[in-house]
Amino acid sequence: MKRIFMILTLVFFIIRCGGYDPNKPVYNTAANPDNFPPSAISLLDNIENGSLVGFDTIIGTFAELYTQHGELLDNKAWSEIIKKLGLRFQVFADTLLKQGIDKYYRAAEWYGLAGFARPDDVNIKNINAVLGVWKKEVDDTTAAADFNIPGKKHTFTEQLDLLRHFLYNDSLYREFGRQYLFEALFGEYSDSTPIPSAVMDSLSLPDKAFLTYLGLNKKPLENKFINFTEPEIDLVTAQIRPLGNDWFRIEMYLMPRVPVTVDFTVALRGNIAGEVPNLGNQGRNIIPFDFKPENPSNEWVKDKIEVAYHKFYYPGVKGRFSVGLYEKDTNPLKYNRVAISNFNFYTLPDTVLKVY
């Protein structure tokens, strides 16, 4: 099926481009039937033979070409060459994407170039946007940059943390995580080739819960924090991680024990003393950070791990954090009561707080 899809995609390219095969050079530079200037021919040759690479380098070379030969900007034959070149860039990028995570950065550059060459191509535009988040992270963060180094080894936990960073983020980051990063990091594992027991045994409960959420851990999760009772939903585990500059992310792993028909909102409460600049709590000692789970709770599947995550700004000295679940659009708010205590909120233990 995958082979058939690739063939159909190639046929689509050929039809759309008037018979052009994007796996072949865009122009007969030796014959140069359109009499393009030597610098234009040199640019095309250098792209084809691999001596001209990199987003900034290629864009700079085009800028220099157009400075010297502005007539090319209105040349229809040259414009068609550039459109074809966009598909060549896409071929270069797709080839790199198959070679592993340390080639993703270069693939993102080629897709960026394809987007400039074919600005109206929606498919290229969408993929360029998704891959662009990886390029940005490699440029801006040490964690992603380390994964861009060929041959560098990373611990299993480091791989999990990198995937978390993308999946527990905005829509473009999540798309990159699901479509590219998951396969690059964990594609070798399946039901027939599970994660080694020695690796699983060394992981924290939040890491095991994350793998369960990803479908890579089939073993029952030992222990849990508490369960909410109306309806019964286990809070298996949670953790809060610093993201820098007083930003944090909470991730909660919940498991419904019965079918859930209610649309719950997660109530996260930060306990703090005194007024915090830029937070506007005006002396109150509880700061609310409410958010929705990734999937609406009334769509949850019984006995299946669900995740709720949220990024929040929290300057100043931190106290304890508490969490609860309340029904949307109820007044007063109707909470799912915590077992045993019968309280609305559960105070998270210090072990989940990665903020000190």
Protein backbone atom coordinates (compact mmCIF):
# COMPACT_ATOMS: atom_id res chain seq x y z
CA MET A 1 0.00 0.00 0.00
CA LYS A 2 2.83 2.40 0.88
CA ARG A 3 4.52 1.68 -2.48
CA ILE A 4 1.28 2.32 -4.35
CA PHE A 5 0.85 5.64 -2.51
CA MET A 6 4.39 6.71 -3.47
CA ILE A 7 3.75 5.83 -7.13
CA LEU A 8 0.47 7.76 -7.17
CA THR A 9 2.18 10.74 -5.54
CA LEU A 10 4.89 10.71 -8.20
CA VAL A 11 2.27 10.48 -10.96
CA PHE A 12 0.47 13.44 -9.41
CA PHE A 13 3.70 15.46 -9.44
CA ILE A 14 4.37 14.57 -13.06
CA ILE A 15 0.84 15.47 -14.19
CA ARG A 16 0.85 18.72 -12.22
CA CYS A 17 4.19 19.77 -13.64
CA GLY A 18 3.44 19.10 -17.27
CA GLY A 19 5.47 15.90 -17.56
CA TYR A 20 8.32 16.87 -15.21
CA ASP A 21 9.73 14.06 -13.07
CA PRO A 22 10.87 15.69 -9.78
CA ASN A 23 13.53 13.00 -9.34
CA LYS A 24 15.39 14.33 -12.40
CA PRO A 25 17.31 17.60 -12.90
CA VAL A 26 15.11 20.61 -13.56
CA TYR A 27 16.95 21.79 -16.69
CA ASN A 28 19.40 20.69 -19.36
CA THR A 29 22.16 23.02 -18.22
CA ALA A 30 24.68 21.63 -20.74
CA ALA A 31 22.49 22.61 -23.73
CA ASN A 32 20.92 25.68 -22.05
CA PRO A 33 18.18 25.99 -24.71
CA ASP A 34 16.75 29.14 -23.09
CA ASN A 35 20.13 30.89 -23.07
CA PHE A 36 20.12 31.67 -19.35
CA PRO A 37 23.16 33.60 -18.07
CA PRO A 38 26.19 31.53 -16.94
CA SER A 39 25.66 32.43 -13.27
CA ALA A 40 22.11 31.01 -13.42
CA ILE A 41 23.40 27.78 -15.00
CA SER A 42 26.15 27.58 -12.38
CA LEU A 43 23.58 27.98 -9.59
CA LEU A 44 21.46 25.12 -10.94
CA ASP A 45 24.48 22.86 -11.43
CA ASN A 46 25.79 23.54 -7.94
CA ILE A 47 22.43 22.68 -6.39
CA GLU A 48 22.24 19.45 -8.39
CA ASN A 49 25.79 18.32 -7.62
CA GLY A 50 25.47 19.14 -3.91
CA SER A 51 28.15 21.82 -3.72
CA LEU A 52 25.55 24.48 -2.88
CA VAL A 53 23.59 23.57 0.24
CA GLY A 54 21.98 25.29 3.20
CA PHE A 55 19.01 27.64 3.33
CA ASP A 56 20.92 30.87 3.88
CA THR A 57 23.60 30.02 1.30
CA ILE A 58 21.13 29.16 -1.44
CA ILE A 59 18.88 32.13 -0.74
CA GLY A 60 21.92 34.41 -0.73
CA THR A 61 23.07 32.99 -4.07
CA PHE A 62 19.65 33.59 -5.60
CA ALA A 63 19.66 37.15 -4.25
CA GLU A 64 23.06 37.77 -5.84
CA LEU A 65 21.85 36.27 -9.14
CA TYR A 66 18.78 38.51 -9.24
CA THR A 67 20.86 41.55 -8.37
CA GLN A 68 23.00 40.90 -11.44
CA HIS A 69 20.20 39.62 -13.69
CA GLY A 70 16.94 41.20 -12.65
CA GLU A 71 15.43 40.25 -16.02
CA LEU A 72 15.09 36.66 -14.76
CA LEU A 73 12.35 37.73 -12.36
CA ASP A 74 10.02 38.34 -15.34
CA ASN A 75 11.24 35.41 -17.43
CA LYS A 76 8.44 32.83 -17.71
CA ALA A 77 10.80 30.02 -18.69
CA TRP A 78 12.96 30.72 -15.63
CA SER A 79 9.86 30.88 -13.43
CA GLU A 80 8.91 27.38 -14.57
CA ILE A 81 12.42 26.19 -13.74
CA ILE A 82 12.08 27.61 -10.23
CA LYS A 83 8.73 25.85 -9.74
CA LYS A 84 10.29 22.57 -10.78
CA LEU A 85 13.24 23.30 -8.55
CA GLY A 86 10.81 23.55 -5.63
CA LEU A 87 9.80 19.95 -6.25
CA ARG A 88 13.47 18.95 -6.47
CA PHE A 89 14.00 20.59 -3.08
CA GLN A 90 11.08 18.54 -1.76
CA VAL A 91 12.68 15.34 -3.11
CA PHE A 92 15.97 16.25 -1.40
CA ALA A 93 14.10 16.86 1.86
CA ASP A 94 12.05 13.67 1.73
CA THR A 95 15.21 11.65 1.13
CA LEU A 96 16.80 13.17 4.23
CA LEU A 97 13.70 12.57 6.37
CA LYS A 98 14.15 8.83 5.87
CA GLN A 99 17.71 8.94 7.22
CA GLY A 100 16.99 9.79 10.85
CA ILE A 101 16.60 12.65 13.28
CA ASP A 102 20.07 14.12 12.69
CA LYS A 103 19.01 14.85 9.09
CA TYR A 104 15.74 16.58 10.00
CA TYR A 105 17.36 20.01 10.22
CA ARG A 106 18.66 19.86 6.66
CA ALA A 107 15.31 18.48 5.51
CA ALA A 108 13.62 21.48 7.13
CA GLU A 109 15.96 23.79 5.22
CA TRP A 110 15.12 22.10 1.91
CA TYR A 111 11.40 22.37 2.64
CA GLY A 112 11.91 26.03 3.46
CA LEU A 113 13.52 26.49 0.05
CA ALA A 114 10.71 24.50 -1.58
CA GLY A 115 8.25 26.88 0.04
CA PHE A 116 10.01 29.90 -1.46
CA ALA A 117 10.11 28.28 -4.89
CA ARG A 118 6.46 27.17 -4.76
CA PRO A 119 4.62 29.59 -2.43
CA ASP A 120 1.20 28.44 -3.66
CA ASP A 121 1.82 24.74 -3.04
CA VAL A 122 -0.35 23.98 0.01
CA ASN A 123 1.24 20.59 0.70
CA ILE A 124 4.76 22.02 0.76
CA LYS A 125 3.58 24.98 2.82
CA ASN A 126 2.04 22.71 5.47
CA ILE A 127 5.05 20.38 5.76
CA ASN A 128 7.41 23.35 5.82
CA ALA A 129 5.50 24.81 8.78
CA VAL A 130 5.67 21.52 10.70
CA LEU A 131 9.37 20.91 10.05
CA GLY A 132 10.09 24.54 10.80
CA VAL A 133 9.47 23.99 14.51
CA TRP A 134 12.33 21.46 14.61
CA LYS A 135 14.69 23.89 12.90
CA LYS A 136 13.69 26.58 15.41
CA GLU A 137 14.28 24.26 18.37
CA VAL A 138 17.69 23.16 17.10
CA ASP A 139 18.66 26.80 16.65
CA ASP A 140 17.33 27.87 20.05
CA THR A 141 17.74 24.96 22.50
CA THR A 142 20.57 22.72 23.58
CA ALA A 143 18.33 19.66 23.97
CA ALA A 144 17.19 19.62 20.34
CA ALA A 145 20.62 20.68 19.07
CA ASP A 146 22.17 17.63 20.77
CA PHE A 147 19.87 15.35 18.79
CA ASN A 148 21.03 17.06 15.60
CA ILE A 149 24.58 15.76 16.12
CA PRO A 150 25.21 12.62 14.03
CA GLY A 151 26.09 9.57 16.08
CA LYS A 152 25.54 11.14 19.49
CA LYS A 153 23.95 8.76 21.98
CA HIS A 154 21.06 9.77 24.22
CA THR A 155 19.49 8.13 27.22
CA PHE A 156 15.99 6.74 27.03
CA THR A 157 14.78 9.43 29.44
CA GLU A 158 16.29 12.18 27.30
CA GLN A 159 14.40 10.83 24.31
CA LEU A 160 11.16 10.78 26.31
CA ASP A 161 11.71 14.36 27.47
CA LEU A 162 12.31 15.55 23.92
CA LEU A 163 9.12 13.91 22.68
CA ARG A 164 7.19 15.39 25.62
CA HIS A 165 8.41 18.84 24.68
CA PHE A 166 6.76 18.51 21.28
CA LEU A 167 3.62 16.54 22.12
CA TYR A 168 2.76 18.75 25.09
CA ASN A 169 2.97 21.96 23.10
CA ASP A 170 1.04 23.85 20.41
CA SER A 171 -0.52 22.26 17.33
CA LEU A 172 2.52 22.51 15.01
CA TYR A 173 4.80 21.04 17.66
CA ARG A 174 2.35 18.20 18.30
CA GLU A 175 2.11 17.47 14.60
CA PHE A 176 5.90 17.30 14.28
CA GLY A 177 6.08 15.06 17.34
CA ARG A 178 3.46 12.66 16.06
CA GLN A 179 4.43 12.58 12.40
CA TYR A 180 8.23 12.62 12.60
CA LEU A 181 9.76 12.58 16.07
CA PHE A 182 7.92 9.58 17.52
CA GLU A 183 9.01 7.36 14.63
CA ALA A 184 12.60 8.62 14.79
CA LEU A 185 12.94 7.97 18.52
CA PHE A 186 10.72 4.96 19.20
CA GLY A 187 9.78 3.49 15.83
CA GLU A 188 11.83 0.36 16.55
CA TYR A 189 9.43 -0.69 19.34
CA SER A 190 6.16 -2.54 18.82
CA ASP A 191 4.09 -5.31 20.37
CA SER A 192 6.48 -7.85 18.85
CA THR A 193 9.58 -5.81 19.80
CA PRO A 194 8.77 -4.24 23.18
CA ILE A 195 10.93 -1.88 25.18
CA PRO A 196 13.44 -4.02 27.17
CA SER A 197 12.32 -4.83 30.70
CA ALA A 198 15.56 -3.45 32.16
CA VAL A 199 14.80 -0.07 30.58
CA MET A 200 11.17 -0.07 31.73
CA ASP A 201 12.12 -1.02 35.29
CA SER A 202 14.49 1.96 35.51
CA LEU A 203 11.85 4.53 34.59
CA SER A 204 9.78 6.76 36.86
CA LEU A 205 6.02 6.27 37.08
CA PRO A 206 5.36 9.43 34.98
CA ASP A 207 7.67 8.04 32.27
CA LYS A 208 5.86 4.68 32.34
CA ALA A 209 2.51 6.46 32.18
CA PHE A 210 3.74 8.52 29.22
CA LEU A 211 4.77 5.32 27.42
CA THR A 212 1.38 3.82 28.20
CA TYR A 213 -0.27 6.89 26.69
CA LEU A 214 1.95 6.42 23.60
CA GLY A 215 0.90 2.77 23.33
CA LEU A 216 4.41 1.46 24.05
CA ASN A 217 3.77 0.04 27.52
CA LYS A 218 1.16 -2.68 27.89
CA LYS A 219 1.95 -3.57 31.51
CA PRO A 220 -0.37 -2.33 34.28
CA LEU A 221 0.88 0.75 36.10
CA GLU A 222 1.70 0.06 39.71
CA ASN A 223 0.16 2.29 42.34
CA LYS A 224 -1.68 5.57 41.85
CA PHE A 225 -2.06 8.84 43.71
CA ILE A 226 -5.80 8.92 44.38
CA ASN A 227 -9.07 8.44 42.58
CA PHE A 228 -11.94 10.81 42.00
CA THR A 229 -15.28 9.19 42.76
CA GLU A 230 -18.16 10.71 40.78
CA PRO A 231 -17.50 9.10 38.31
CA GLU A 232 -14.50 6.99 39.30
CA ILE A 233 -11.31 8.29 37.66
CA ASP A 234 -7.82 7.38 38.86
CA LEU A 235 -5.19 10.08 39.06
CA VAL A 236 -2.32 7.70 38.31
CA THR A 237 0.54 10.19 38.50
CA ALA A 238 1.60 13.72 37.65
CA GLN A 239 4.65 15.91 37.42
CA ILE A 240 5.48 19.59 37.09
CA ARG A 241 8.57 20.66 35.19
CA PRO A 242 10.30 24.05 34.89
CA LEU A 243 10.57 25.41 31.36
CA GLY A 244 12.63 28.48 32.23
CA ASN A 245 11.81 32.14 32.95
CA ASP A 246 9.13 31.20 35.51
CA TRP A 247 7.19 29.05 33.05
CA PHE A 248 6.16 25.52 34.04
CA ARG A 249 4.30 22.56 32.58
CA ILE A 250 2.11 20.13 34.43
CA GLU A 251 1.24 16.74 33.01
CA MET A 252 -1.39 14.53 34.63
CA TYR A 253 -2.16 10.93 33.73
CA LEU A 254 -5.72 9.87 34.43
CA MET A 255 -7.55 6.59 33.90
CA PRO A 256 -11.36 6.37 33.91
CA ARG A 257 -12.61 3.23 35.62
CA VAL A 258 -16.15 3.63 34.30
CA PRO A 259 -17.62 5.33 31.21
CA VAL A 260 -17.49 9.12 31.62
CA THR A 261 -20.35 11.26 30.30
CA VAL A 262 -19.23 14.56 31.87
CA ASP A 263 -17.01 17.19 30.25
CA PHE A 264 -14.48 17.92 33.02
CA THR A 265 -12.12 20.85 33.38
CA VAL A 266 -8.91 20.40 35.36
CA ALA A 267 -8.58 22.83 38.26
CA LEU A 268 -4.91 23.43 39.11
CA ARG A 269 -4.29 25.58 42.15
CA GLY A 270 -0.92 27.04 43.10
CA ASN A 271 -0.54 28.01 46.76
CA ILE A 272 1.52 31.14 47.35
CA ALA A 273 1.87 33.81 50.03
CA GLY A 274 1.63 37.52 49.28
CA GLU A 275 1.16 39.41 46.06
CA VAL A 276 3.18 38.34 43.03
CA PRO A 277 4.15 40.99 40.42
CA ASN A 278 2.56 40.42 36.99
CA LEU A 279 0.21 37.79 38.42
CA GLY A 280 -2.34 40.13 39.99
CA ASN A 281 -3.34 37.85 42.86
CA GLN A 282 -3.73 40.87 45.20
CA GLY A 283 -2.73 39.05 48.35
CA ARG A 284 -4.67 35.85 47.73
CA ASN A 285 -2.75 32.68 48.53
CA ILE A 286 -4.29 30.49 45.83
CA ILE A 287 -3.66 31.04 42.12
CA PRO A 288 -5.94 29.25 39.63
CA PHE A 289 -4.60 27.65 36.45
CA ASP A 290 -7.60 25.87 34.91
CA PHE A 291 -7.32 23.93 31.65
CA LYS A 292 -8.93 21.22 29.55
CA PRO A 293 -7.55 17.69 29.10
CA GLU A 294 -6.12 16.83 25.69
CA ASN A 295 -9.26 14.83 24.87
CA PRO A 296 -12.67 15.83 26.29
CA SER A 297 -13.43 13.58 29.25
CA ASN A 298 -16.78 12.54 27.81
CA GLU A 299 -14.82 10.88 24.99
CA TRP A 300 -12.48 8.93 27.28
CA VAL A 301 -12.28 5.17 27.01
CA LYS A 302 -12.67 3.05 30.15
CA ASP A 303 -9.33 1.80 31.58
CA LYS A 304 -7.30 3.77 29.02
CA ILE A 305 -4.67 6.32 30.10
CA GLU A 306 -5.57 9.90 29.24
CA VAL A 307 -3.36 12.95 29.62
CA ALA A 308 -4.01 16.51 30.72
CA TYR A 309 -1.20 19.02 30.35
CA HIS A 310 -0.84 22.77 30.68
CA LYS A 311 1.89 25.39 30.44
CA PHE A 312 1.58 28.18 32.98
CA TYR A 313 3.45 31.25 34.23
CA TYR A 314 4.22 31.23 37.94
CA PRO A 315 6.87 33.65 39.32
CA GLY A 316 7.92 33.89 42.93
CA VAL A 317 8.25 31.33 45.72
CA LYS A 318 6.14 28.23 45.14
CA GLY A 319 4.02 26.43 47.69
CA ARG A 320 2.07 23.23 47.25
CA PHE A 321 -0.07 22.48 44.19
CA SER A 322 -3.57 21.02 44.26
CA VAL A 323 -5.71 19.53 41.49
CA GLY A 324 -9.39 18.83 41.01
CA LEU A 325 -11.96 18.09 38.31
CA TYR A 326 -15.13 20.10 37.84
CA GLU A 327 -17.99 19.93 35.40
CA LYS A 328 -18.09 22.55 32.69
CA ASP A 329 -20.90 25.14 32.84
CA THR A 330 -22.12 24.35 36.37
CA ASN A 331 -22.92 27.12 38.85
CA PRO A 332 -21.82 26.68 41.55
CA LEU A 333 -19.07 24.47 40.16
CA LYS A 334 -19.74 20.77 40.64
CA TYR A 335 -16.53 18.94 41.53
CA ASN A 336 -15.68 15.28 41.23
CA ARG A 337 -15.00 14.47 44.88
CA VAL A 338 -11.72 12.93 46.01
CA ALA A 339 -11.97 9.45 47.54
CA ILE A 340 -11.62 9.02 51.33
CA SER A 341 -11.19 12.75 52.06
CA ASN A 342 -14.31 13.72 50.11
CA PHE A 343 -12.58 17.02 49.31
CA ASN A 344 -12.80 18.84 45.98
CA PHE A 345 -9.01 19.04 45.63
CA TYR A 346 -6.06 16.70 46.01
CA THR A 347 -2.76 18.22 47.14
CA LEU A 348 0.03 16.82 45.02
CA PRO A 349 2.98 15.31 46.92
CA ASP A 350 6.36 16.99 46.82
CA THR A 351 7.73 14.15 44.69
CA VAL A 352 5.95 15.45 41.59
CA LEU A 353 7.24 18.99 41.93
CA LYS A 354 10.35 19.51 39.83
CA VAL A 355 10.51 23.19 40.75
CA TYR A 356 12.88 23.46 43.68
